[in-house]
Protein backbone atom coordinates (compact mmCIF):
# COMPACT_ATOMS: atom_id res chain seq x y z
CA UNK A 1 -58.74 8.22 -93.42
CA UNK A 2 -61.92 6.40 -92.44
CA UNK A 3 -64.44 9.14 -93.17
CA UNK A 4 -67.23 7.85 -95.43
CA UNK A 5 -65.55 4.42 -95.51
CA UNK A 6 -66.91 0.96 -94.79
CA UNK A 7 -64.96 -0.91 -92.09
CA UNK A 8 -64.99 -4.65 -91.32
CA UNK A 9 -63.70 -6.00 -87.97
CA UNK A 10 -63.30 -9.69 -87.14
CA UNK A 11 -63.37 -10.26 -83.39
CA UNK A 12 -64.98 -6.85 -83.07
CA UNK A 13 -66.60 -7.65 -79.72
CA UNK A 14 -63.25 -8.35 -78.02
CA UNK A 15 -61.45 -5.78 -75.87
CA UNK A 16 -59.19 -4.63 -78.71
CA UNK A 17 -61.99 -4.65 -81.26
CA UNK A 18 -64.32 -2.68 -79.00
CA UNK A 19 -61.65 -0.06 -78.31
CA UNK A 20 -60.85 0.18 -82.02
CA UNK A 21 -64.51 0.78 -82.89
CA UNK A 22 -64.89 3.32 -80.07
CA UNK A 23 -61.85 5.20 -81.42
CA UNK A 24 -63.08 5.06 -85.02
CA UNK A 25 -66.34 6.79 -84.07
CA UNK A 26 -64.47 9.38 -81.98
CA UNK A 27 -62.05 10.30 -84.75
CA UNK A 28 -63.98 9.62 -87.96
CA UNK A 29 -67.40 9.43 -89.56
CA UNK A 30 -67.47 6.05 -91.33
CA UNK A 31 -70.38 5.04 -93.52
CA UNK A 32 -70.58 1.68 -91.77
CA UNK A 33 -68.68 -0.53 -89.34
CA UNK A 34 -69.35 -4.27 -89.63
CA UNK A 35 -68.69 -6.33 -86.50
CA UNK A 36 -68.05 -9.97 -87.37
CA UNK A 37 -67.83 -12.33 -84.38
CA UNK A 38 -69.18 -15.55 -82.88
CA UNK A 39 -70.67 -14.33 -79.60
CA UNK A 40 -74.28 -13.21 -79.73
CA UNK A 41 -74.25 -12.07 -76.09
CA UNK A 42 -71.28 -9.74 -76.63
CA UNK A 43 -72.90 -8.39 -79.78
CA UNK A 44 -76.04 -7.56 -77.82
CA UNK A 45 -73.93 -5.76 -75.22
CA UNK A 46 -72.21 -3.77 -77.98
CA UNK A 47 -75.54 -2.82 -79.53
CA UNK A 48 -76.57 -1.24 -76.23
CA UNK A 49 -73.22 0.49 -75.78
CA UNK A 50 -73.04 1.87 -79.33
CA UNK A 51 -76.74 2.57 -79.80
CA UNK A 52 -77.35 4.96 -82.69
CA UNK A 53 -73.97 4.29 -84.34
CA UNK A 54 -73.71 3.02 -87.91
CA UNK A 55 -72.77 -0.52 -86.93
CA UNK A 56 -73.93 -3.76 -88.54
CA UNK A 57 -73.57 -6.93 -86.45
CA UNK A 58 -72.91 -10.26 -88.15
CA UNK A 59 -72.72 -13.59 -86.31
CA UNK A 60 -69.96 -15.53 -88.00
CA UNK A 61 -66.71 -17.43 -87.60
CA UNK A 62 -63.42 -16.70 -89.35
CA UNK A 63 -63.28 -20.43 -90.10
CA UNK A 64 -66.31 -19.93 -92.40
CA UNK A 65 -64.75 -18.43 -95.50
CA UNK A 66 -67.89 -18.09 -97.58
CA UNK A 67 -69.86 -16.27 -94.89
CA UNK A 68 -66.95 -13.93 -94.15
CA UNK A 69 -66.46 -13.24 -97.87
CA UNK A 70 -70.09 -12.22 -98.28
CA UNK A 71 -70.07 -10.13 -95.09
CA UNK A 72 -66.91 -8.21 -96.08
CA UNK A 73 -67.86 -7.48 -99.70
CA UNK A 74 -67.38 -3.83 -100.63
CA UNK A 75 -65.51 -2.69 -97.51
CA UNK A 76 -62.53 -0.33 -97.56
CA UNK A 77 -60.74 -1.50 -94.40
CA UNK A 78 -60.52 -5.08 -93.12
CA UNK A 79 -59.28 -5.36 -89.50
CA UNK A 80 -58.47 -8.95 -88.57
CA UNK A 81 -58.51 -9.25 -84.77
CA UNK A 82 -60.25 -12.58 -84.11
CA UNK A 83 -58.07 -15.17 -82.37
CA UNK A 84 -57.83 -17.84 -79.72
CA UNK A 85 -55.32 -16.17 -77.40
CA UNK A 86 -55.10 -17.89 -73.99
CA UNK A 87 -51.76 -19.70 -73.89
CA UNK A 88 -52.79 -22.75 -71.78
CA UNK A 89 -56.02 -23.20 -73.78
CA UNK A 90 -54.11 -23.15 -77.06
CA UNK A 91 -51.58 -25.65 -75.69
CA UNK A 92 -54.35 -28.11 -74.85
CA UNK A 93 -56.64 -27.43 -77.82
CA UNK A 94 -53.96 -26.92 -80.45
CA UNK A 95 -56.11 -27.98 -83.39
CA UNK A 96 -58.67 -25.31 -82.48
CA UNK A 97 -55.91 -22.70 -82.21
CA UNK A 98 -54.64 -23.62 -85.67
CA UNK A 99 -58.15 -23.58 -87.13
CA UNK A 100 -58.89 -20.08 -85.85
CA UNK A 101 -55.49 -18.36 -85.84
CA UNK A 102 -53.96 -19.88 -88.99
CA UNK A 103 -56.81 -21.10 -91.20
CA UNK A 104 -58.92 -18.15 -90.09
CA UNK A 105 -56.18 -15.77 -91.22
CA UNK A 106 -55.86 -17.56 -94.57
CA UNK A 107 -59.61 -17.13 -95.01
CA UNK A 108 -59.43 -13.45 -94.06
CA UNK A 109 -56.60 -12.80 -96.52
CA UNK A 110 -58.49 -14.58 -99.28
CA UNK A 111 -61.57 -12.48 -98.52
CA UNK A 112 -59.48 -9.33 -98.95
CA UNK A 113 -58.14 -10.63 -102.25
CA UNK A 114 -61.48 -11.88 -103.58
CA UNK A 115 -63.32 -8.69 -102.62
CA UNK A 116 -60.50 -6.35 -103.77
CA UNK A 117 -60.34 -4.68 -100.35
CA UNK A 118 -57.74 -1.85 -100.39
CA UNK A 119 -56.53 -2.15 -96.78
CA UNK A 120 -55.99 -5.23 -94.60
CA UNK A 121 -54.71 -4.79 -91.03
CA UNK A 122 -53.76 -7.81 -88.94
CA UNK A 123 -53.26 -7.50 -85.18
CA UNK A 124 -50.58 -9.83 -83.82
CA UNK A 125 -48.87 -10.33 -80.46
CA UNK A 126 -45.48 -10.29 -78.78
CA UNK A 127 -45.90 -14.07 -78.39
CA UNK A 128 -45.17 -14.35 -82.13
CA UNK A 129 -41.56 -13.21 -81.61
CA UNK A 130 -39.40 -16.29 -81.02
CA UNK A 131 -42.47 -18.39 -80.09
CA UNK A 132 -42.27 -21.32 -77.67
CA UNK A 133 -45.98 -22.10 -77.44
CA UNK A 134 -48.85 -22.98 -79.77
CA UNK A 135 -50.46 -19.56 -79.53
CA UNK A 136 -47.28 -17.68 -80.48
CA UNK A 137 -46.48 -20.13 -83.26
CA UNK A 138 -49.91 -19.77 -84.84
CA UNK A 139 -49.68 -15.98 -84.69
CA UNK A 140 -46.21 -16.02 -86.25
CA UNK A 141 -47.58 -18.21 -89.04
CA UNK A 142 -50.43 -15.73 -89.48
CA UNK A 143 -47.92 -12.85 -89.73
CA UNK A 144 -46.07 -14.70 -92.51
CA UNK A 145 -49.33 -15.39 -94.35
CA UNK A 146 -50.29 -11.70 -94.28
CA UNK A 147 -46.86 -10.55 -95.42
CA UNK A 148 -46.65 -13.13 -98.21
CA UNK A 149 -50.09 -12.17 -99.50
CA UNK A 150 -48.75 -8.72 -100.35
CA UNK A 151 -46.26 -10.13 -102.85
CA UNK A 152 -48.88 -11.59 -105.17
CA UNK A 153 -51.58 -9.01 -104.52
CA UNK A 154 -50.54 -5.38 -104.93
CA UNK A 155 -54.14 -4.12 -104.92
CA UNK A 156 -54.35 -4.58 -101.13
CA UNK A 157 -52.06 -3.06 -98.51
CA UNK A 158 -51.35 -5.90 -96.08
CA UNK A 159 -50.23 -4.46 -92.72
CA UNK A 160 -49.33 -6.20 -89.45
CA UNK A 161 -49.25 -4.63 -85.99
CA UNK A 162 -47.55 -6.41 -83.08
CA UNK A 163 -48.07 -5.41 -79.45
CA UNK A 164 -47.87 -6.88 -75.96
CA UNK A 165 -50.09 -7.28 -72.90
CA UNK A 166 -52.82 -4.71 -72.41
CA UNK A 167 -54.33 -3.71 -69.08
CA UNK A 168 -58.00 -4.57 -68.99
CA UNK A 169 -57.99 -6.78 -72.09
CA UNK A 170 -59.59 -10.21 -72.06
CA UNK A 171 -57.25 -12.57 -70.21
CA UNK A 172 -55.39 -9.81 -68.39
CA UNK A 173 -53.89 -10.97 -65.09
CA UNK A 174 -54.76 -7.79 -63.16
CA UNK A 175 -58.50 -8.59 -62.76
CA UNK A 176 -57.50 -12.04 -61.46
CA UNK A 177 -55.14 -10.52 -58.88
CA UNK A 178 -57.85 -8.08 -57.76
CA UNK A 179 -60.37 -10.88 -57.35
CA UNK A 180 -57.90 -12.95 -55.32
CA UNK A 181 -57.19 -9.95 -53.06
CA UNK A 182 -60.92 -9.37 -52.50
CA UNK A 183 -61.25 -13.01 -51.46
CA UNK A 184 -58.42 -12.66 -48.96
CA UNK A 185 -55.71 -14.30 -51.07
CA UNK A 186 -53.45 -15.82 -51.85
CA UNK A 187 -52.41 -13.95 -54.98
CA UNK A 188 -50.94 -16.61 -57.26
CA UNK A 189 -47.94 -15.91 -59.47
CA UNK A 190 -46.43 -18.53 -61.74
CA UNK A 191 -43.01 -16.96 -61.08
CA UNK A 192 -42.56 -13.51 -59.61
CA UNK A 193 -39.33 -12.85 -61.51
CA UNK A 194 -41.08 -13.06 -64.88
CA UNK A 195 -41.24 -9.82 -66.86
CA UNK A 196 -44.01 -8.73 -69.20
CA UNK A 197 -44.78 -5.82 -71.47
CA UNK A 198 -47.69 -3.79 -70.17
CA UNK A 199 -49.59 -0.84 -71.59
CA UNK A 200 -52.94 0.90 -71.67
CA UNK A 201 -55.39 -0.23 -74.32
CA UNK A 202 -55.28 3.07 -76.18
CA UNK A 203 -51.60 2.55 -77.10
CA UNK A 204 -51.95 -0.33 -79.59
CA UNK A 205 -55.00 1.35 -81.12
CA UNK A 206 -52.91 4.47 -81.71
CA UNK A 207 -50.25 2.24 -83.31
CA UNK A 208 -52.86 0.79 -85.67
CA UNK A 209 -53.74 4.25 -86.96
CA UNK A 210 -50.05 5.15 -87.28
CA UNK A 211 -49.58 2.01 -89.37
CA UNK A 212 -52.55 2.79 -91.61
CA UNK A 213 -51.24 6.29 -92.21
CA UNK A 214 -47.62 5.39 -92.98
CA UNK A 215 -47.53 1.81 -94.33
CA UNK A 216 -46.66 1.01 -97.89
CA UNK A 217 -47.70 -2.61 -97.42
CA UNK A 218 -46.22 -5.81 -95.91
CA UNK A 219 -44.49 -4.03 -93.00
CA UNK A 220 -44.74 -5.23 -89.41
CA UNK A 221 -45.23 -2.37 -86.93
CA UNK A 222 -44.00 -2.95 -83.36
CA UNK A 223 -44.97 -0.65 -80.52
CA UNK A 224 -42.28 0.37 -78.05
CA UNK A 225 -43.58 -0.56 -74.62
CA UNK A 226 -42.46 -0.48 -70.99
CA UNK A 227 -42.01 -3.71 -69.02
CA UNK A 228 -42.99 -4.80 -65.53
CA UNK A 229 -41.78 -7.48 -63.13
CA UNK A 230 -44.83 -9.52 -62.22
CA UNK A 231 -44.11 -9.64 -58.49
CA UNK A 232 -43.99 -5.82 -58.50
CA UNK A 233 -47.48 -5.70 -60.05
CA UNK A 234 -48.84 -8.10 -57.43
CA UNK A 235 -47.21 -6.22 -54.56
CA UNK A 236 -48.57 -2.86 -55.73
CA UNK A 237 -52.10 -4.25 -55.96
CA UNK A 238 -51.86 -5.91 -52.54
CA UNK A 239 -50.44 -2.77 -50.94
CA UNK A 240 -53.21 -0.59 -52.37
CA UNK A 241 -56.22 -2.92 -52.11
CA UNK A 242 -55.49 -5.00 -49.00
CA UNK A 243 -54.28 -2.33 -46.58
CA UNK A 244 -56.21 -3.68 -43.60
CA UNK A 245 -55.48 -7.37 -44.09
CA UNK A 246 -52.52 -9.61 -44.83
CA UNK A 247 -52.72 -11.13 -48.29
CA UNK A 248 -50.08 -13.69 -49.18
CA UNK A 249 -48.38 -13.83 -52.59
CA UNK A 250 -47.47 -17.35 -53.65
CA UNK A 251 -45.70 -18.86 -56.65
CA UNK A 252 -47.26 -21.92 -58.32
CA UNK A 253 -44.78 -22.54 -61.15
CA UNK A 254 -44.85 -21.76 -64.87
CA UNK A 255 -47.77 -22.93 -66.99
CA UNK A 256 -47.24 -24.98 -70.16
CA UNK A 257 -45.88 -22.76 -72.92
CA UNK A 258 -45.23 -19.77 -70.65
CA UNK A 259 -42.14 -17.62 -71.21
CA UNK A 260 -40.10 -16.08 -68.40
CA UNK A 261 -39.53 -12.95 -70.47
CA UNK A 262 -41.40 -11.66 -73.49
CA UNK A 263 -39.97 -10.45 -76.77
CA UNK A 264 -41.41 -7.97 -79.25
CA UNK A 265 -38.65 -8.24 -81.83
CA UNK A 266 -35.95 -10.86 -82.35
CA UNK A 267 -32.32 -10.08 -83.19
CA UNK A 268 -32.87 -11.42 -86.73
CA UNK A 269 -35.87 -9.12 -87.17
CA UNK A 270 -33.80 -6.24 -85.79
CA UNK A 271 -31.40 -6.66 -88.73
CA UNK A 272 -34.21 -5.37 -91.01
CA UNK A 273 -36.01 -3.04 -88.60
CA UNK A 274 -35.95 0.75 -88.56
CA UNK A 275 -36.67 3.11 -85.68
CA UNK A 276 -39.78 5.27 -86.13
CA UNK A 277 -39.75 7.10 -82.78
CA UNK A 278 -42.64 5.55 -80.81
CA UNK A 279 -42.57 2.29 -82.77
CA UNK A 280 -40.33 0.12 -84.91
CA UNK A 281 -40.99 -1.09 -88.44
CA UNK A 282 -39.78 -4.56 -89.46
CA UNK A 283 -39.38 -4.92 -93.21
CA UNK A 284 -40.13 -8.28 -94.84
CA UNK A 285 -37.39 -10.65 -96.01
CA UNK A 286 -38.56 -10.37 -99.60
CA UNK A 287 -38.85 -6.85 -101.03
CA UNK A 288 -38.83 -7.46 -104.81
CA UNK A 289 -38.47 -3.85 -105.95
CA UNK A 290 -36.75 -2.62 -102.77
CA UNK A 291 -39.79 -0.38 -102.38
CA UNK A 292 -39.84 -0.53 -98.59
CA UNK A 293 -36.12 0.11 -98.22
CA UNK A 294 -36.49 3.20 -100.39
CA UNK A 295 -39.39 4.38 -98.23
CA UNK A 296 -38.09 3.54 -94.74
CA UNK A 297 -34.32 3.60 -95.35
CA UNK A 298 -31.72 1.01 -94.36
CA UNK A 299 -30.50 2.37 -91.04
CA UNK A 300 -31.43 -0.86 -89.29
CA UNK A 301 -31.48 -1.30 -85.51
CA UNK A 302 -29.56 -4.60 -85.45
CA UNK A 303 -30.79 -5.57 -82.00
CA UNK A 304 -33.62 -7.43 -80.33
CA UNK A 305 -36.31 -5.93 -78.11
CA UNK A 306 -37.23 -7.93 -75.00
CA UNK A 307 -39.00 -7.32 -71.70
CA UNK A 308 -36.02 -8.30 -69.52
CA UNK A 309 -33.62 -5.69 -70.89
CA UNK A 310 -36.27 -3.13 -71.76
CA UNK A 311 -37.29 -0.08 -69.71
CA UNK A 312 -38.84 -1.59 -66.56
CA UNK A 313 -41.43 0.40 -64.64
CA UNK A 314 -40.91 1.15 -60.96
CA UNK A 315 -43.65 0.34 -58.45
CA UNK A 316 -44.66 4.01 -58.41
CA UNK A 317 -45.00 3.99 -62.19
CA UNK A 318 -46.98 0.73 -62.07
CA UNK A 319 -49.32 2.29 -59.51
CA UNK A 320 -49.82 5.33 -61.76
CA UNK A 321 -50.63 3.13 -64.77
CA UNK A 322 -53.12 1.05 -62.75
CA UNK A 323 -54.76 4.23 -61.51
CA UNK A 324 -55.03 5.61 -65.03
CA UNK A 325 -56.63 2.36 -66.15
CA UNK A 326 -59.15 2.48 -63.29
CA UNK A 327 -57.77 -0.57 -61.46
CA UNK A 328 -56.76 1.50 -58.43
CA UNK A 329 -58.38 4.54 -56.80
CA UNK A 330 -56.67 7.85 -57.57
CA UNK A 331 -57.17 9.37 -54.13
């Protein structure tokens, strides 16, 4: 799909963006990948890591429409991954979250329209399902913007992908737990009974390529993911990394805007969602020509998808996942 194509990635120096670009060069031979991000240091690190690859690095902000429009002119695929994503930061600096996550998405969509880009892929989050915090609300708004853009612009396929927490991504709690264990503890949990989706970074990247291959436009693709209880994750890490010392696990109380259990799909969304084996596809409210229903069918799931009632990993399975991700030794 991406052979001899030009690819544009906002937030390309982030954990998701870096993995996407790594996968693109493993699977395809693009003419050019354009990394558009704010951080010069991370861009320099990427240049060393991907030396010799056909990558162009552009310092820019998604809030700057004109610069992003010029940088994305003539591309075939526009991946919009840039975001402010830390829940407590977005709660405190809500205007900044809106400027990047909402206005930045409006700018990205307008760039796709203005430049007649055939494919636009937006990466969202489980926090957008039934949001209770600023971050989730801005990402839900961004999802709606992307879906609505496809009604008035049929030249571009507007696609949204929604996934949950990724091991090793920026802001992941596992590196924090490991650091606390190395320092002798305590390991701090907000509430050990909280559940979260958890997966390896390759999984959402695979979902993105599934979406590109199968989407008609305006669908929201949701990856099926296992869940973990947060105290189980902490106890596995302590048991494996602090064998010769006693490390305490303490609870400090929920942070502002933090959910006890995550949700990838609400019950209302389930009323227009179809099962596609490893993922679910949520169809938009408005489907003028019933095009998507004809393509995906109308055998809707009629249920929600949440981390509390989902398949929850055992401690042995958590250990295996952490080992596969390189967070625990395999021997």
